[in-house]
Protein backbone atom coordinates (compact mmCIF):
# COMPACT_ATOMS: atom_id res chain seq x y z
CA UNK A 1 0.00 0.00 0.00
CA UNK A 2 1.43 3.37 -1.04
CA UNK A 3 1.57 6.07 1.64
CA UNK A 4 -1.52 8.30 1.64
CA UNK A 5 0.39 11.46 0.78
CA UNK A 6 1.88 9.71 -2.25
CA UNK A 7 -1.08 7.91 -3.78
CA UNK A 8 -1.17 7.46 -7.54
CA UNK A 9 -3.55 9.30 -9.82
CA UNK A 10 -4.66 8.12 -13.25
CA UNK A 11 -2.82 11.11 -14.70
CA UNK A 12 0.41 10.03 -12.98
CA UNK A 13 0.09 6.48 -14.31
CA UNK A 14 -0.48 7.79 -17.83
CA UNK A 15 2.51 10.12 -17.51
CA UNK A 16 4.73 7.27 -16.31
CA UNK A 17 3.59 4.57 -18.74
CA UNK A 18 2.33 6.43 -21.80
CA UNK A 19 -0.92 4.51 -21.45
CA UNK A 20 -4.40 5.44 -22.64
CA UNK A 21 -7.60 5.34 -20.59
CA UNK A 22 -10.07 3.13 -22.47
CA UNK A 23 -12.73 2.99 -19.76
CA UNK A 24 -13.72 4.54 -16.48
CA UNK A 25 -13.01 7.41 -14.15
CA UNK A 26 -10.04 9.56 -15.20
CA UNK A 27 -9.97 11.22 -11.78
CA UNK A 28 -9.50 7.98 -9.83
CA UNK A 29 -6.77 7.64 -7.23
CA UNK A 30 -4.97 4.34 -6.65
CA UNK A 31 -3.85 3.16 -3.22
CA UNK A 32 -1.01 1.06 -4.62
CA UNK A 33 -0.31 -1.59 -7.24
CA UNK A 34 -0.75 -5.35 -7.45
CA UNK A 35 0.02 -8.14 -9.89
CA UNK A 36 -2.00 -10.81 -8.06
CA UNK A 37 -5.80 -10.80 -8.18
CA UNK A 38 -5.90 -13.15 -5.17
CA UNK A 39 -4.20 -10.74 -2.78
CA UNK A 40 -5.11 -7.36 -4.25
CA UNK A 41 -6.13 -4.73 -1.69
CA UNK A 42 -8.85 -2.11 -1.83
CA UNK A 43 -8.07 0.59 -4.37
CA UNK A 44 -4.91 -0.96 -5.81
CA UNK A 45 -4.13 -0.81 -9.54
CA UNK A 46 -3.98 -4.31 -11.05
CA UNK A 47 -1.31 -5.02 -13.68
CA UNK A 48 -2.48 -7.74 -16.07
CA UNK A 49 0.85 -9.42 -16.76
CA UNK A 50 1.35 -12.17 -19.31
CA UNK A 51 3.73 -15.12 -19.25
CA UNK A 52 4.27 -18.47 -20.92
CA UNK A 53 1.69 -20.21 -18.73
CA UNK A 54 -0.54 -17.37 -17.53
CA UNK A 55 -2.42 -14.29 -18.69
CA UNK A 56 -3.44 -11.72 -16.10
CA UNK A 57 -6.15 -10.37 -18.39
CA UNK A 58 -8.23 -13.42 -17.43
CA UNK A 59 -8.26 -12.19 -13.83
CA UNK A 60 -9.10 -8.51 -14.28
CA UNK A 61 -12.74 -9.08 -13.32
CA UNK A 62 -11.69 -10.97 -10.18
CA UNK A 63 -9.22 -8.23 -9.23
CA UNK A 64 -11.86 -5.52 -9.55
CA UNK A 65 -14.48 -7.58 -7.72
CA UNK A 66 -12.04 -7.92 -4.81
CA UNK A 67 -11.69 -4.15 -4.57
CA UNK A 68 -9.10 -3.33 -7.21
CA UNK A 69 -9.21 0.33 -8.19
CA UNK A 70 -8.35 -0.18 -11.87
CA UNK A 71 -6.30 -2.26 -14.28
CA UNK A 72 -3.39 -1.94 -16.69
CA UNK A 73 -4.14 -4.01 -19.79
CA UNK A 74 -2.55 -4.68 -23.17
CA UNK A 75 -5.75 -4.98 -25.17
CA UNK A 76 -9.42 -4.07 -25.00
CA UNK A 77 -11.37 -6.02 -22.40
CA UNK A 78 -14.96 -5.76 -21.28
CA UNK A 79 -15.21 -3.71 -18.11
CA UNK A 80 -17.22 -5.27 -15.28
CA UNK A 81 -20.85 -4.16 -15.50
CA UNK A 82 -21.79 -1.15 -13.43
CA UNK A 83 -18.25 -0.08 -12.55
CA UNK A 84 -16.35 3.06 -13.43
CA UNK A 85 -12.90 1.80 -12.45
CA UNK A 86 -10.34 2.93 -15.03
CA UNK A 87 -8.82 0.54 -17.52
CA UNK A 88 -5.52 1.84 -18.91
CA UNK A 89 -4.16 0.31 -22.10
CA UNK A 90 -0.39 -0.01 -22.64
CA UNK A 91 1.70 -1.88 -25.24
CA UNK A 92 3.30 -4.13 -22.61
CA UNK A 93 2.16 -4.49 -19.00
CA UNK A 94 5.53 -5.62 -17.64
CA UNK A 95 7.30 -2.68 -19.26
CA UNK A 96 4.63 -0.37 -17.87
CA UNK A 97 5.19 -1.74 -14.35
CA UNK A 98 8.89 -0.97 -14.63
CA UNK A 99 8.23 2.47 -16.08
CA UNK A 100 5.87 3.32 -13.23
CA UNK A 101 8.43 2.14 -10.68
CA UNK A 102 11.11 4.28 -12.33
CA UNK A 103 8.78 7.29 -12.31
CA UNK A 104 8.21 6.66 -8.59
CA UNK A 105 11.95 6.29 -7.98
CA UNK A 106 12.61 9.66 -9.61
CA UNK A 107 10.24 11.28 -7.11
CA UNK A 108 12.32 9.95 -4.20
CA UNK A 109 15.91 11.11 -4.34
CA UNK A 110 17.18 8.89 -1.52
CA UNK A 111 20.42 6.93 -2.01
CA UNK A 112 19.76 3.52 -3.54
CA UNK A 113 22.16 0.58 -3.36
CA UNK A 114 21.82 -2.27 -5.88
CA UNK A 115 23.44 -5.68 -5.35
CA UNK A 116 24.25 -7.99 -8.26
CA UNK A 117 26.12 -11.30 -8.25
CA UNK A 118 25.92 -15.06 -8.64
CA UNK A 119 25.87 -15.68 -4.88
CA UNK A 120 25.67 -13.67 -1.69
CA UNK A 121 23.13 -11.06 -2.80
CA UNK A 122 20.54 -11.66 -0.10
CA UNK A 123 22.99 -12.04 2.77
CA UNK A 124 24.93 -8.95 1.69
CA UNK A 125 21.67 -7.00 1.41
CA UNK A 126 20.49 -8.08 4.84
CA UNK A 127 23.89 -7.38 6.41
CA UNK A 128 24.09 -3.92 4.87
CA UNK A 129 20.50 -3.15 5.86
CA UNK A 130 21.23 -4.23 9.43
CA UNK A 131 24.18 -1.85 9.64
CA UNK A 132 22.35 1.04 7.96
CA UNK A 133 19.38 0.62 10.30
CA UNK A 134 21.58 1.65 13.20
CA UNK A 135 21.15 5.20 11.88
CA UNK A 136 18.71 5.33 8.97
CA UNK A 137 15.21 4.25 7.99
CA UNK A 138 15.90 1.61 5.36
CA UNK A 139 13.75 0.20 2.57
CA UNK A 140 14.84 -3.20 1.21
CA UNK A 141 13.25 -5.76 -1.07
CA UNK A 142 11.96 -8.79 0.79
CA UNK A 143 12.45 -12.43 -0.13
CA UNK A 144 13.07 -12.98 -3.82
CA UNK A 145 11.43 -9.74 -4.99
CA UNK A 146 14.47 -9.09 -7.16
CA UNK A 147 13.27 -9.65 -10.73
CA UNK A 148 11.42 -7.64 -13.37
CA UNK A 149 8.20 -7.98 -11.37
CA UNK A 150 9.40 -8.02 -7.79
CA UNK A 151 11.89 -5.18 -7.96
CA UNK A 152 9.40 -2.63 -9.39
CA UNK A 153 6.88 -3.65 -6.72
CA UNK A 154 9.58 -3.11 -4.11
CA UNK A 155 10.51 0.31 -5.48
CA UNK A 156 6.88 1.37 -5.28
CA UNK A 157 7.07 0.83 -1.50
CA UNK A 158 9.55 3.69 -1.08
CA UNK A 159 7.97 6.64 0.70
CA UNK A 160 8.92 9.93 2.32
CA UNK A 161 9.88 8.19 5.58
CA UNK A 162 12.77 6.26 4.01
CA UNK A 163 16.36 7.56 4.12
CA UNK A 164 18.02 4.89 1.97
CA UNK A 165 17.02 1.87 -0.13
CA UNK A 166 18.94 -1.34 -0.73
CA UNK A 167 17.82 -3.82 -3.38
CA UNK A 168 19.19 -7.06 -4.75
CA UNK A 169 18.83 -7.70 -8.48
CA UNK A 170 18.41 -11.18 -9.94
CA UNK A 171 18.52 -12.39 -13.52
CA UNK A 172 17.96 -15.45 -15.68
CA UNK A 173 19.04 -14.07 -19.04
CA UNK A 174 20.79 -11.18 -20.74
CA UNK A 175 19.20 -7.77 -20.60
CA UNK A 176 17.46 -8.20 -17.25
CA UNK A 177 20.09 -6.48 -15.08
CA UNK A 178 20.24 -3.66 -17.61
CA UNK A 179 16.48 -3.14 -17.34
CA UNK A 180 16.48 -3.42 -13.54
CA UNK A 181 19.29 -0.88 -13.30
CA UNK A 182 17.42 1.41 -15.67
CA UNK A 183 14.33 1.15 -13.47
CA UNK A 184 16.03 1.55 -10.08
CA UNK A 185 18.71 4.13 -10.96
CA UNK A 186 21.09 3.09 -8.16
CA UNK A 187 23.68 5.51 -6.79
CA UNK A 188 25.79 2.59 -5.54
CA UNK A 189 26.24 -0.81 -7.13
CA UNK A 190 27.74 -3.91 -5.51
CA UNK A 191 29.18 -6.79 -7.56
CA UNK A 192 29.63 -9.80 -5.27
CA UNK A 193 30.98 -12.45 -7.67
CA UNK A 194 30.49 -14.19 -11.01
CA UNK A 195 29.90 -17.95 -11.16
CA UNK A 196 28.31 -20.61 -13.39
CA UNK A 197 24.63 -19.85 -12.76
CA UNK A 198 21.65 -19.45 -15.12
CA UNK A 199 23.69 -20.98 -17.93
CA UNK A 200 20.47 -22.02 -19.66
CA UNK A 201 19.75 -18.34 -20.19
CA UNK A 202 23.22 -16.93 -20.90
CA UNK A 203 25.15 -19.90 -22.29
CA UNK A 204 28.56 -19.62 -20.62
CA UNK A 205 30.48 -18.15 -17.70
CA UNK A 206 31.46 -15.29 -20.03
CA UNK A 207 27.76 -14.78 -20.67
CA UNK A 208 27.14 -14.62 -16.92
CA UNK A 209 29.90 -12.04 -16.61
CA UNK A 210 28.44 -9.84 -19.33
CA UNK A 211 24.92 -10.18 -17.90
CA UNK A 212 26.06 -9.15 -14.41
CA UNK A 213 28.17 -6.42 -16.00
CA UNK A 214 25.05 -4.71 -17.30
CA UNK A 215 24.96 -3.02 -13.89
CA UNK A 216 28.28 -1.35 -14.71
CA UNK A 217 27.16 -0.32 -18.19
CA UNK A 218 23.83 1.14 -17.07
CA UNK A 219 24.79 2.78 -13.76
CA UNK A 220 25.20 6.53 -13.47
CA UNK A 221 28.91 7.33 -13.84
CA UNK A 222 28.54 9.77 -10.94
CA UNK A 223 27.80 6.80 -8.70
CA UNK A 224 29.99 4.30 -6.86
CA UNK A 225 30.80 0.67 -7.71
CA UNK A 226 31.79 -1.70 -4.89
CA UNK A 227 33.37 -4.87 -6.26
CA UNK A 228 35.12 -8.10 -5.25
CA UNK A 229 38.86 -7.79 -5.91
CA UNK A 230 39.37 -11.54 -5.42
CA UNK A 231 37.09 -12.45 -8.34
CA UNK A 232 38.96 -11.91 -11.64
CA UNK A 233 35.79 -11.59 -13.71
CA UNK A 234 34.31 -9.05 -11.30
CA UNK A 235 37.62 -7.16 -11.25
CA UNK A 236 37.51 -6.96 -15.03
CA UNK A 237 34.00 -5.53 -14.84
CA UNK A 238 35.15 -3.08 -12.19
CA UNK A 239 37.78 -1.68 -14.54
CA UNK A 240 35.02 -0.72 -16.96
CA UNK A 241 33.28 1.60 -14.53
CA UNK A 242 34.41 5.22 -15.01
CA UNK A 243 32.99 6.46 -11.71
CA UNK A 244 34.17 6.01 -8.13
CA UNK A 245 35.30 2.47 -7.33
CA UNK A 246 35.70 0.68 -3.99
CA UNK A 247 37.17 -2.82 -3.79
CA UNK A 248 36.94 -5.54 -1.15
CA UNK A 249 38.80 -8.79 -0.76
CA UNK A 250 40.79 -11.23 1.33
CA UNK A 251 43.60 -12.42 -0.94
CA UNK A 252 44.28 -9.38 -3.14
CA UNK A 253 44.96 -5.80 -2.04
CA UNK A 254 41.68 -3.89 -1.66
CA UNK A 255 40.11 -0.89 0.02
CA UNK A 256 38.30 -3.20 2.45
CA UNK A 257 40.08 -6.35 3.62
CA UNK A 258 39.88 -9.14 6.17
CA UNK A 259 42.99 -10.23 8.09
CA UNK A 260 43.68 -12.76 10.84
CA UNK A 261 40.76 -15.03 9.94
CA UNK A 262 39.84 -17.61 12.58
CA UNK A 263 36.96 -19.93 13.44
CA UNK A 264 35.23 -20.55 16.75
CA UNK A 265 34.31 -24.01 17.98
CA UNK A 266 30.93 -23.82 16.30
CA UNK A 267 32.49 -22.83 13.00
CA UNK A 268 31.62 -19.12 13.13
CA UNK A 269 34.21 -16.89 11.47
CA UNK A 270 36.10 -13.99 13.03
CA UNK A 271 38.50 -11.56 11.38
CA UNK A 272 40.09 -8.14 11.57
CA UNK A 273 38.17 -5.73 9.35
CA UNK A 274 40.52 -3.25 7.66
CA UNK A 275 38.98 -0.21 5.97
CA UNK A 276 39.75 3.41 5.10
CA UNK A 277 38.96 4.47 8.68
CA UNK A 278 41.13 1.86 10.38
CA UNK A 279 40.79 -1.67 11.73
CA UNK A 280 38.37 -3.39 14.08
CA UNK A 281 37.83 -7.03 15.15
CA UNK A 282 34.65 -8.72 13.87
CA UNK A 283 33.09 -11.92 15.24
CA UNK A 284 30.30 -13.04 12.91
CA UNK A 285 27.50 -15.33 14.01
CA UNK A 286 27.93 -17.13 10.69
CA UNK A 287 29.79 -20.11 9.28
CA UNK A 288 31.86 -20.06 6.11
CA UNK A 289 34.70 -18.07 4.62
CA UNK A 290 32.34 -16.77 1.94
CA UNK A 291 30.47 -14.83 4.62
CA UNK A 292 33.54 -12.63 5.04
CA UNK A 293 33.08 -11.35 1.49
CA UNK A 294 29.44 -10.56 2.21
CA UNK A 295 30.48 -8.69 5.35
CA UNK A 296 33.18 -6.71 3.52
CA UNK A 297 30.74 -5.63 0.80
CA UNK A 298 28.13 -4.64 3.38
CA UNK A 299 30.70 -2.69 5.39
CA UNK A 300 31.89 -0.81 2.31
CA UNK A 301 28.32 0.08 1.34
CA UNK A 302 27.45 1.29 4.84
CA UNK A 303 30.66 3.31 5.16
CA UNK A 304 29.86 5.06 1.88
CA UNK A 305 26.59 6.20 3.50
CA UNK A 306 28.43 7.74 6.44
CA UNK A 307 28.33 4.84 8.91
CA UNK A 308 31.38 4.59 11.19
CA UNK A 309 33.45 1.54 12.06
CA UNK A 310 31.87 1.03 15.49
CA UNK A 311 28.37 0.96 14.00
CA UNK A 312 29.59 -1.37 11.25
CA UNK A 313 31.02 -3.69 13.90
CA UNK A 314 27.78 -3.70 15.91
CA UNK A 315 25.67 -4.36 12.83
CA UNK A 316 27.82 -7.21 11.54
CA UNK A 317 28.18 -8.94 14.90
CA UNK A 318 24.44 -8.78 15.58
CA UNK A 319 23.54 -10.19 12.17
CA UNK A 320 21.64 -13.47 11.97
CA UNK A 321 21.33 -15.26 8.61
CA UNK A 322 18.02 -15.27 6.73
CA UNK A 323 16.11 -18.58 6.81
CA UNK A 324 17.63 -21.36 4.72
CA UNK A 325 20.87 -19.45 4.12
CA UNK A 326 23.55 -21.10 6.29
CA UNK A 327 20.94 -21.21 9.04
CA UNK A 328 22.04 -23.28 12.03
CA UNK A 329 19.46 -25.62 13.58
CA UNK A 330 20.38 -27.88 16.49
CA UNK A 331 18.18 -30.92 16.93
CA UNK A 332 17.46 -32.29 20.39
CA UNK A 333 19.73 -35.26 19.78
CA UNK A 334 22.76 -32.96 19.43
CA UNK A 335 22.87 -33.08 15.64
CA UNK A 336 23.60 -29.70 14.02
CA UNK A 337 21.88 -28.88 10.73
CA UNK A 338 23.35 -26.29 8.36
CA UNK A 339 20.18 -25.35 6.50
CA UNK A 340 21.43 -23.74 3.28
CA UNK A 341 18.52 -25.10 1.27
CA UNK A 342 17.21 -21.89 -0.29
CA UNK A 343 19.08 -22.39 -3.56
CA UNK A 344 22.25 -23.81 -5.06
CA UNK A 345 24.74 -23.36 -7.86
CA UNK A 346 28.31 -24.64 -8.24
CA UNK A 347 29.86 -21.60 -6.53
CA UNK A 348 27.54 -21.64 -3.52
CA UNK A 349 27.85 -25.43 -3.22
CA UNK A 350 31.63 -25.09 -3.00
CA UNK A 351 31.32 -22.42 -0.31
CA UNK A 352 28.87 -24.49 1.74
CA UNK A 353 31.00 -27.64 1.51
CA UNK A 354 34.03 -25.68 2.70
CA UNK A 355 32.04 -24.38 5.68
CA UNK A 356 30.93 -27.93 6.51
CA UNK A 357 34.50 -29.22 6.23
CA UNK A 358 35.72 -26.54 8.66
CA UNK A 359 33.09 -27.36 11.30
CA UNK A 360 34.54 -28.88 14.46
CA UNK A 361 32.99 -31.98 15.99
CA UNK A 362 31.76 -35.32 14.73
CA UNK A 363 30.99 -36.57 11.24
CA UNK A 364 30.46 -34.16 8.35
CA UNK A 365 27.44 -35.25 6.31
CA UNK A 366 26.37 -33.55 3.07
CA UNK A 367 22.75 -33.93 1.93
CA UNK A 368 22.60 -32.47 -1.55
CA UNK A 369 19.96 -31.98 -4.23
CA UNK A 370 20.21 -31.05 -7.89
CA UNK A 371 21.53 -27.72 -9.13
CA UNK A 372 19.20 -26.38 -11.82
CA UNK A 373 19.49 -23.94 -14.74
CA UNK A 374 22.97 -25.11 -15.74
CA UNK A 375 22.09 -26.10 -19.31
CA UNK A 376 24.71 -28.21 -21.13
CA UNK A 377 27.08 -27.77 -18.18
CA UNK A 378 24.76 -29.62 -15.79
CA UNK A 379 26.30 -33.11 -15.94
CA UNK A 380 29.86 -31.82 -15.69
CA UNK A 381 28.93 -29.52 -12.80
CA UNK A 382 27.41 -32.38 -10.83
CA UNK A 383 30.44 -34.62 -11.42
CA UNK A 384 32.64 -31.78 -10.18
CA UNK A 385 30.37 -31.44 -7.15
CA UNK A 386 30.94 -35.10 -6.32
CA UNK A 387 34.69 -34.65 -6.55
CA UNK A 388 34.50 -31.57 -4.31
CA UNK A 389 32.64 -33.55 -1.64
CA UNK A 390 35.50 -36.04 -1.43
CA UNK A 391 38.23 -33.40 -1.71
CA UNK A 392 36.76 -31.52 1.26
CA UNK A 393 36.89 -34.68 3.37
CA UNK A 394 33.13 -35.05 3.83
CA UNK A 395 32.37 -38.30 5.69
CA UNK A 396 29.02 -39.22 4.14
CA UNK A 397 26.97 -38.09 1.15
CA UNK A 398 23.20 -38.27 0.69
CA UNK A 399 21.74 -37.36 -2.70
CA UNK A 400 18.38 -36.51 -4.25
CA UNK A 401 17.52 -35.69 -7.85
CA UNK A 402 18.02 -36.62 -11.45
CA UNK A 403 21.69 -35.62 -11.46
CA UNK A 404 22.53 -37.68 -8.36
CA UNK A 405 24.25 -40.41 -10.46
CA UNK A 406 26.64 -37.79 -11.87
CA UNK A 407 27.52 -36.65 -8.33
CA UNK A 408 28.13 -40.27 -7.36
CA UNK A 409 30.38 -40.68 -10.39
CA UNK A 410 32.48 -37.67 -9.42
CA UNK A 411 32.73 -38.70 -5.77
CA UNK A 412 33.86 -42.22 -6.67
CA UNK A 413 36.38 -40.89 -9.20
CA UNK A 414 37.88 -38.77 -6.40
CA UNK A 415 38.16 -41.82 -4.14
CA UNK A 416 35.10 -41.64 -1.89
CA UNK A 417 34.04 -44.94 -0.34
CA UNK A 418 30.83 -46.06 -2.15
CA UNK A 419 29.47 -47.32 1.17
CA UNK A 420 29.33 -43.70 2.38
CA UNK A 421 27.14 -42.59 -0.54
CA UNK A 422 23.35 -42.88 -0.33
CA UNK A 423 20.86 -42.26 -3.14
CA UNK A 424 17.48 -41.22 -1.76
CA UNK A 425 14.05 -41.74 -3.31
CA UNK A 426 12.45 -38.73 -1.62
CA UNK A 427 12.79 -36.46 1.43
CA UNK A 428 11.40 -39.05 3.83
CA UNK A 429 13.67 -41.80 2.55
CA UNK A 430 16.72 -39.58 3.02
CA UNK A 431 15.59 -38.57 6.52
CA UNK A 432 15.07 -42.19 7.60
CA UNK A 433 18.53 -43.20 6.44
CA UNK A 434 20.07 -40.07 7.92
CA UNK A 435 18.42 -40.79 11.29
CA UNK A 436 20.21 -44.14 11.38
CA UNK A 437 23.62 -42.62 10.64
CA UNK A 438 23.76 -39.21 12.34
CA UNK A 439 24.82 -39.09 15.97
CA UNK A 440 25.40 -36.46 18.66
CA UNK A 441 28.05 -33.97 17.55
CA UNK A 442 27.58 -34.59 13.83
CA UNK A 443 27.05 -31.83 11.26
CA UNK A 444 24.55 -32.13 8.40
CA UNK A 445 24.53 -29.75 5.43
CA UNK A 446 21.27 -29.42 3.47
CA UNK A 447 21.56 -27.75 0.07
CA UNK A 448 19.96 -27.85 -3.37
CA UNK A 449 18.14 -25.68 -5.87
CA UNK A 450 14.86 -24.17 -4.71
CA UNK A 451 12.79 -26.69 -6.63
CA UNK A 452 14.34 -29.51 -4.57
CA UNK A 453 12.90 -28.16 -1.27
CA UNK A 454 15.67 -29.78 0.73
CA UNK A 455 14.48 -28.09 3.93
CA UNK A 456 11.59 -30.57 4.06
CA UNK A 457 14.10 -33.18 5.18
CA UNK A 458 14.37 -31.38 8.55
CA UNK A 459 10.73 -32.07 9.42
CA UNK A 460 11.05 -35.69 8.31
CA UNK A 461 14.27 -36.06 10.27
CA UNK A 462 12.68 -34.72 13.46
CA UNK A 463 9.92 -37.29 13.07
CA UNK A 464 12.42 -40.07 12.46
CA UNK A 465 14.80 -39.38 15.34
């Protein structure tokens, strides 16, 4: 719901989208926007979006019956009988949604930080928001509202009470980051890393690099780019940005660095944070070396907004991971679950396996599902995953999915004992076998692409123990 003092008029929507009123009250005021007829609120403007398997035009009547204040459509439709709600015709509803969000963004001149990368976007966003909230009123996109639909909807939530916005940007194919950057007009961009993700849409790692690099090409040259100096592809993209640049890293010289890295008994990482304003010790409540990069990026972004080192330290040390992103769950039997089940790609799998390998205690057990959207690289990626499991010294491997045989192949090639590899039929089957193997002090990593829903194993495991 848009703040009352900033509600949308029909005239404003027409100005933003170039649309034409084909029916209804030209003086109407909208209370917000919606793309879902099932959850639309009173007075909101419904965008009839189209996709491969859906057409929002079929739900315009339902949206208006539920209180919708009008609709954006791509073609003439019959208005519900007895209603004067405006119907506004545009060439493309998705483009119009982005155009309206950009129009809204231009009315709010607050600093906006955009985060792009193959992994680490959400954690970096949440870390940075946590630090910024020590001083400012922050707007951030929730969940996975980071695409061509979700990001515009998030932008439209900005109001006069916000001091700064921080948004992650996701993509599946070329051109999407360019459009998202065009819509959001960030003052600061963060490039976390480039890895083999969404290869179905971009074809190669070089394609991923160019797709992520659209942020650099589209960003205002008066802005700031914060980039990972330890990632050679990101560093190459960083060189292309003519504006102000800030680097972060662990291995290569950078503006923001981590020194003296150590791990507590539970696997949480600590380090000395070195930045332009000096050095301070940081003890994260997070596992995994990769979390240091997220923390460095977040610190650099917050510092650029005037946050000092003490506030950065407090924000980072208080940070708890979002659900299903290296989330630690301890079962009553003393088994520790690393729930990293939100999503997976080769780069994030490697990071999670390293975190598991560094955990101190009993057996290290990896429970892994398929990695999706890898195109022709899928079989090779899953064989490499199997090899990585063995190379990291993981004690036992449980697998789900169509690519499980390829993971088995890679693990065996690397020398893993076949008796420590288990192919599961479903979540319950994996949980039952896991309940027989896991003991007090053991660590269990759960990870796979979103479609695999690996987190469901936790419920089944609780029932089985």
